[in-house]
Amino acid sequence: MNSTLPLKTWLVDNFITDITPDQLEDDLDLIDSGIVDSLRLLRLISWVSDTYEIPMDEVPLSPDNFRSVAAIRAFVVEAKDPAAA
């Protein structure tokens, strides 16, 4: 995952329509802020799986992996290449 822009764009388009992707901070807690609830978390996991071609049945999932843009980026990097983490 070289850039977080596609992720930020998806989050803004689907969940946070009153800001731009540039305004979404990498460390904003998406869960504690209420942006991502349990149903949105499922949509987010599905999007990450499809977009980054990560078979979710082979990866241990935790809400903490989807808590922020930075956490999602780290999750994708590790899931794609566990040796890189």
N, C-alpha and C. Protein backbone atom coordinates (compact mmCIF):
# COMPACT_ATOMS: atom_id res chain seq x y z
N MET A 1 0.87 -1.18 0.00
CA MET A 1 0.00 0.00 0.00
C MET A 1 0.90 1.23 0.00
N ASN A 2 1.11 1.80 -1.16
CA ASN A 2 2.00 2.93 -1.30
C ASN A 2 1.37 4.24 -0.87
N SER A 3 0.08 4.36 -1.08
CA SER A 3 -0.60 5.61 -0.78
C SER A 3 -1.88 5.33 -0.01
N THR A 4 -2.21 6.20 0.91
CA THR A 4 -3.46 6.07 1.65
C THR A 4 -4.59 6.83 0.97
N LEU A 5 -4.30 7.50 -0.14
CA LEU A 5 -5.32 8.31 -0.80
C LEU A 5 -6.55 7.50 -1.23
N PRO A 6 -6.40 6.32 -1.84
CA PRO A 6 -7.62 5.56 -2.19
C PRO A 6 -8.46 5.21 -0.96
N LEU A 7 -7.81 4.85 0.12
CA LEU A 7 -8.52 4.54 1.36
C LEU A 7 -9.23 5.77 1.90
N LYS A 8 -8.51 6.87 1.98
CA LYS A 8 -9.11 8.11 2.49
C LYS A 8 -10.28 8.55 1.60
N THR A 9 -10.11 8.42 0.30
CA THR A 9 -11.18 8.81 -0.62
C THR A 9 -12.41 7.94 -0.40
N TRP A 10 -12.21 6.64 -0.24
CA TRP A 10 -13.34 5.74 0.00
C TRP A 10 -14.03 6.09 1.31
N LEU A 11 -13.27 6.32 2.37
CA LEU A 11 -13.85 6.67 3.66
C LEU A 11 -14.66 7.96 3.58
N VAL A 12 -14.10 8.96 2.90
CA VAL A 12 -14.79 10.25 2.77
C VAL A 12 -16.05 10.09 1.91
N ASP A 13 -15.94 9.37 0.82
CA ASP A 13 -17.10 9.18 -0.07
C ASP A 13 -18.23 8.40 0.60
N ASN A 14 -17.88 7.48 1.49
CA ASN A 14 -18.88 6.60 2.07
C ASN A 14 -19.31 6.97 3.49
N PHE A 15 -18.43 7.56 4.28
CA PHE A 15 -18.74 7.76 5.69
C PHE A 15 -18.61 9.20 6.19
N ILE A 16 -17.72 9.99 5.60
CA ILE A 16 -17.42 11.32 6.16
C ILE A 16 -17.54 12.35 5.04
N THR A 17 -18.73 12.60 4.59
CA THR A 17 -18.92 13.40 3.38
C THR A 17 -18.68 14.89 3.55
N ASP A 18 -18.43 15.36 4.77
CA ASP A 18 -18.27 16.80 4.98
C ASP A 18 -16.80 17.26 5.00
N ILE A 19 -15.87 16.37 4.65
CA ILE A 19 -14.46 16.76 4.55
C ILE A 19 -13.88 16.19 3.26
N THR A 20 -12.66 16.60 2.95
CA THR A 20 -11.97 16.06 1.79
C THR A 20 -10.97 15.00 2.26
N PRO A 21 -10.53 14.14 1.36
CA PRO A 21 -9.53 13.14 1.77
C PRO A 21 -8.28 13.76 2.39
N ASP A 22 -7.88 14.93 1.91
CA ASP A 22 -6.69 15.60 2.46
C ASP A 22 -6.89 15.97 3.93
N GLN A 23 -8.12 16.23 4.32
CA GLN A 23 -8.40 16.65 5.70
C GLN A 23 -8.50 15.48 6.67
N LEU A 24 -8.58 14.27 6.17
CA LEU A 24 -8.70 13.09 7.03
C LEU A 24 -7.32 12.73 7.57
N GLU A 25 -7.15 12.90 8.87
CA GLU A 25 -5.87 12.63 9.52
C GLU A 25 -5.64 11.12 9.61
N ASP A 26 -4.39 10.71 9.41
CA ASP A 26 -4.05 9.29 9.45
C ASP A 26 -4.32 8.66 10.81
N ASP A 27 -4.23 9.44 11.88
CA ASP A 27 -4.38 8.89 13.22
C ASP A 27 -5.75 9.12 13.85
N LEU A 28 -6.71 9.66 13.09
CA LEU A 28 -8.07 9.86 13.62
C LEU A 28 -8.67 8.50 13.97
N ASP A 29 -9.16 8.35 15.19
CA ASP A 29 -9.77 7.09 15.62
C ASP A 29 -11.17 7.01 15.01
N LEU A 30 -11.30 6.20 13.98
CA LEU A 30 -12.56 6.10 13.24
C LEU A 30 -13.65 5.43 14.06
N ILE A 31 -13.28 4.57 14.98
CA ILE A 31 -14.26 3.86 15.79
C ILE A 31 -14.73 4.72 16.97
N ASP A 32 -13.78 5.25 17.75
CA ASP A 32 -14.16 6.08 18.90
C ASP A 32 -14.89 7.36 18.49
N SER A 33 -14.57 7.87 17.30
CA SER A 33 -15.23 9.08 16.83
C SER A 33 -16.65 8.81 16.32
N GLY A 34 -17.00 7.52 16.16
CA GLY A 34 -18.33 7.17 15.69
C GLY A 34 -18.46 7.12 14.17
N ILE A 35 -17.39 7.37 13.46
CA ILE A 35 -17.42 7.34 12.00
C ILE A 35 -17.66 5.90 11.53
N VAL A 36 -17.00 4.96 12.18
CA VAL A 36 -17.15 3.55 11.82
C VAL A 36 -17.82 2.82 12.99
N ASP A 37 -19.01 2.29 12.73
CA ASP A 37 -19.70 1.46 13.71
C ASP A 37 -19.59 0.01 13.25
N SER A 38 -20.31 -0.89 13.87
CA SER A 38 -20.14 -2.31 13.55
C SER A 38 -20.51 -2.64 12.11
N LEU A 39 -21.58 -2.06 11.60
CA LEU A 39 -21.97 -2.32 10.21
C LEU A 39 -20.99 -1.69 9.23
N ARG A 40 -20.57 -0.49 9.52
CA ARG A 40 -19.59 0.16 8.64
C ARG A 40 -18.26 -0.56 8.69
N LEU A 41 -17.92 -1.13 9.83
CA LEU A 41 -16.68 -1.89 9.95
C LEU A 41 -16.70 -3.07 8.98
N LEU A 42 -17.82 -3.74 8.87
CA LEU A 42 -17.94 -4.85 7.94
C LEU A 42 -17.77 -4.38 6.49
N ARG A 43 -18.36 -3.25 6.16
CA ARG A 43 -18.19 -2.69 4.81
C ARG A 43 -16.74 -2.32 4.55
N LEU A 44 -16.10 -1.73 5.54
CA LEU A 44 -14.70 -1.33 5.42
C LEU A 44 -13.81 -2.55 5.23
N ILE A 45 -14.01 -3.58 6.03
CA ILE A 45 -13.22 -4.81 5.90
C ILE A 45 -13.41 -5.42 4.51
N SER A 46 -14.64 -5.45 4.04
CA SER A 46 -14.92 -5.99 2.72
C SER A 46 -14.21 -5.19 1.63
N TRP A 47 -14.26 -3.86 1.74
CA TRP A 47 -13.60 -3.01 0.75
C TRP A 47 -12.10 -3.22 0.76
N VAL A 48 -11.51 -3.27 1.94
CA VAL A 48 -10.06 -3.49 2.06
C VAL A 48 -9.70 -4.84 1.44
N SER A 49 -10.48 -5.86 1.74
CA SER A 49 -10.23 -7.19 1.21
C SER A 49 -10.28 -7.19 -0.32
N ASP A 50 -11.31 -6.59 -0.88
CA ASP A 50 -11.46 -6.55 -2.34
C ASP A 50 -10.39 -5.68 -3.00
N THR A 51 -10.15 -4.52 -2.45
CA THR A 51 -9.24 -3.56 -3.06
C THR A 51 -7.79 -4.03 -3.02
N TYR A 52 -7.39 -4.59 -1.89
CA TYR A 52 -5.99 -4.98 -1.72
C TYR A 52 -5.77 -6.48 -1.88
N GLU A 53 -6.83 -7.18 -2.34
CA GLU A 53 -6.77 -8.61 -2.62
C GLU A 53 -6.21 -9.41 -1.44
N ILE A 54 -6.83 -9.19 -0.29
CA ILE A 54 -6.45 -9.88 0.93
C ILE A 54 -7.58 -10.84 1.29
N PRO A 55 -7.33 -12.14 1.25
CA PRO A 55 -8.36 -13.10 1.64
C PRO A 55 -8.57 -13.05 3.16
N MET A 56 -9.65 -12.46 3.58
CA MET A 56 -9.86 -12.21 5.00
C MET A 56 -10.01 -13.49 5.83
N ASP A 57 -10.35 -14.59 5.20
CA ASP A 57 -10.47 -15.82 5.96
C ASP A 57 -9.10 -16.37 6.37
N GLU A 58 -8.04 -15.80 5.82
CA GLU A 58 -6.69 -16.23 6.15
C GLU A 58 -5.95 -15.26 7.07
N VAL A 59 -6.62 -14.18 7.44
CA VAL A 59 -5.97 -13.12 8.22
C VAL A 59 -6.73 -12.92 9.52
N PRO A 60 -6.05 -12.92 10.67
CA PRO A 60 -6.76 -12.63 11.91
C PRO A 60 -7.26 -11.18 11.91
N LEU A 61 -8.54 -11.02 12.16
CA LEU A 61 -9.15 -9.68 12.14
C LEU A 61 -9.34 -9.16 13.54
N SER A 62 -9.13 -7.88 13.70
CA SER A 62 -9.36 -7.18 14.96
C SER A 62 -9.83 -5.77 14.62
N PRO A 63 -10.82 -5.26 15.34
CA PRO A 63 -11.24 -3.88 15.09
C PRO A 63 -10.08 -2.89 15.18
N ASP A 64 -9.08 -3.21 16.01
CA ASP A 64 -7.94 -2.30 16.14
C ASP A 64 -7.18 -2.15 14.82
N ASN A 65 -7.24 -3.14 13.96
CA ASN A 65 -6.59 -3.05 12.65
C ASN A 65 -7.28 -2.05 11.73
N PHE A 66 -8.50 -1.64 12.08
CA PHE A 66 -9.29 -0.75 11.24
C PHE A 66 -9.67 0.52 12.00
N ARG A 67 -8.94 0.83 13.05
CA ARG A 67 -9.25 1.95 13.93
C ARG A 67 -8.89 3.30 13.31
N SER A 68 -7.88 3.32 12.45
CA SER A 68 -7.45 4.58 11.83
C SER A 68 -6.87 4.28 10.46
N VAL A 69 -6.67 5.30 9.68
CA VAL A 69 -6.04 5.12 8.37
C VAL A 69 -4.65 4.51 8.54
N ALA A 70 -3.91 4.98 9.53
CA ALA A 70 -2.57 4.44 9.79
C ALA A 70 -2.63 2.96 10.16
N ALA A 71 -3.60 2.57 10.98
CA ALA A 71 -3.75 1.17 11.39
C ALA A 71 -4.14 0.30 10.20
N ILE A 72 -5.02 0.80 9.35
CA ILE A 72 -5.43 0.05 8.16
C ILE A 72 -4.24 -0.13 7.22
N ARG A 73 -3.47 0.92 7.05
CA ARG A 73 -2.28 0.83 6.20
C ARG A 73 -1.32 -0.24 6.74
N ALA A 74 -1.07 -0.22 8.04
CA ALA A 74 -0.17 -1.20 8.64
C ALA A 74 -0.73 -2.62 8.47
N PHE A 75 -2.03 -2.78 8.64
CA PHE A 75 -2.67 -4.08 8.46
C PHE A 75 -2.48 -4.59 7.03
N VAL A 76 -2.71 -3.73 6.05
CA VAL A 76 -2.58 -4.12 4.65
C VAL A 76 -1.14 -4.51 4.34
N VAL A 77 -0.20 -3.70 4.79
CA VAL A 77 1.22 -3.99 4.54
C VAL A 77 1.58 -5.35 5.14
N GLU A 78 1.18 -5.60 6.37
CA GLU A 78 1.51 -6.88 7.01
C GLU A 78 0.79 -8.05 6.36
N ALA A 79 -0.48 -7.85 5.99
CA ALA A 79 -1.23 -8.94 5.37
C ALA A 79 -0.67 -9.31 4.00
N LYS A 80 -0.18 -8.31 3.27
CA LYS A 80 0.38 -8.56 1.95
C LYS A 80 1.76 -9.17 2.04
N ASP A 81 2.51 -8.80 3.06
CA ASP A 81 3.90 -9.29 3.21
C ASP A 81 4.25 -9.38 4.69
N PRO A 82 3.90 -10.49 5.34
CA PRO A 82 4.15 -10.62 6.78
C PRO A 82 5.62 -10.40 7.16
N ALA A 83 6.54 -10.67 6.29
CA ALA A 83 7.96 -10.46 6.58
C ALA A 83 8.32 -8.98 6.65
N ALA A 84 7.51 -8.11 6.03
CA ALA A 84 7.80 -6.68 6.02
C ALA A 84 7.40 -5.99 7.30
N ALA A 85 6.57 -6.63 8.10
CA ALA A 85 6.07 -6.00 9.33
C ALA A 85 7.09 -5.99 10.42
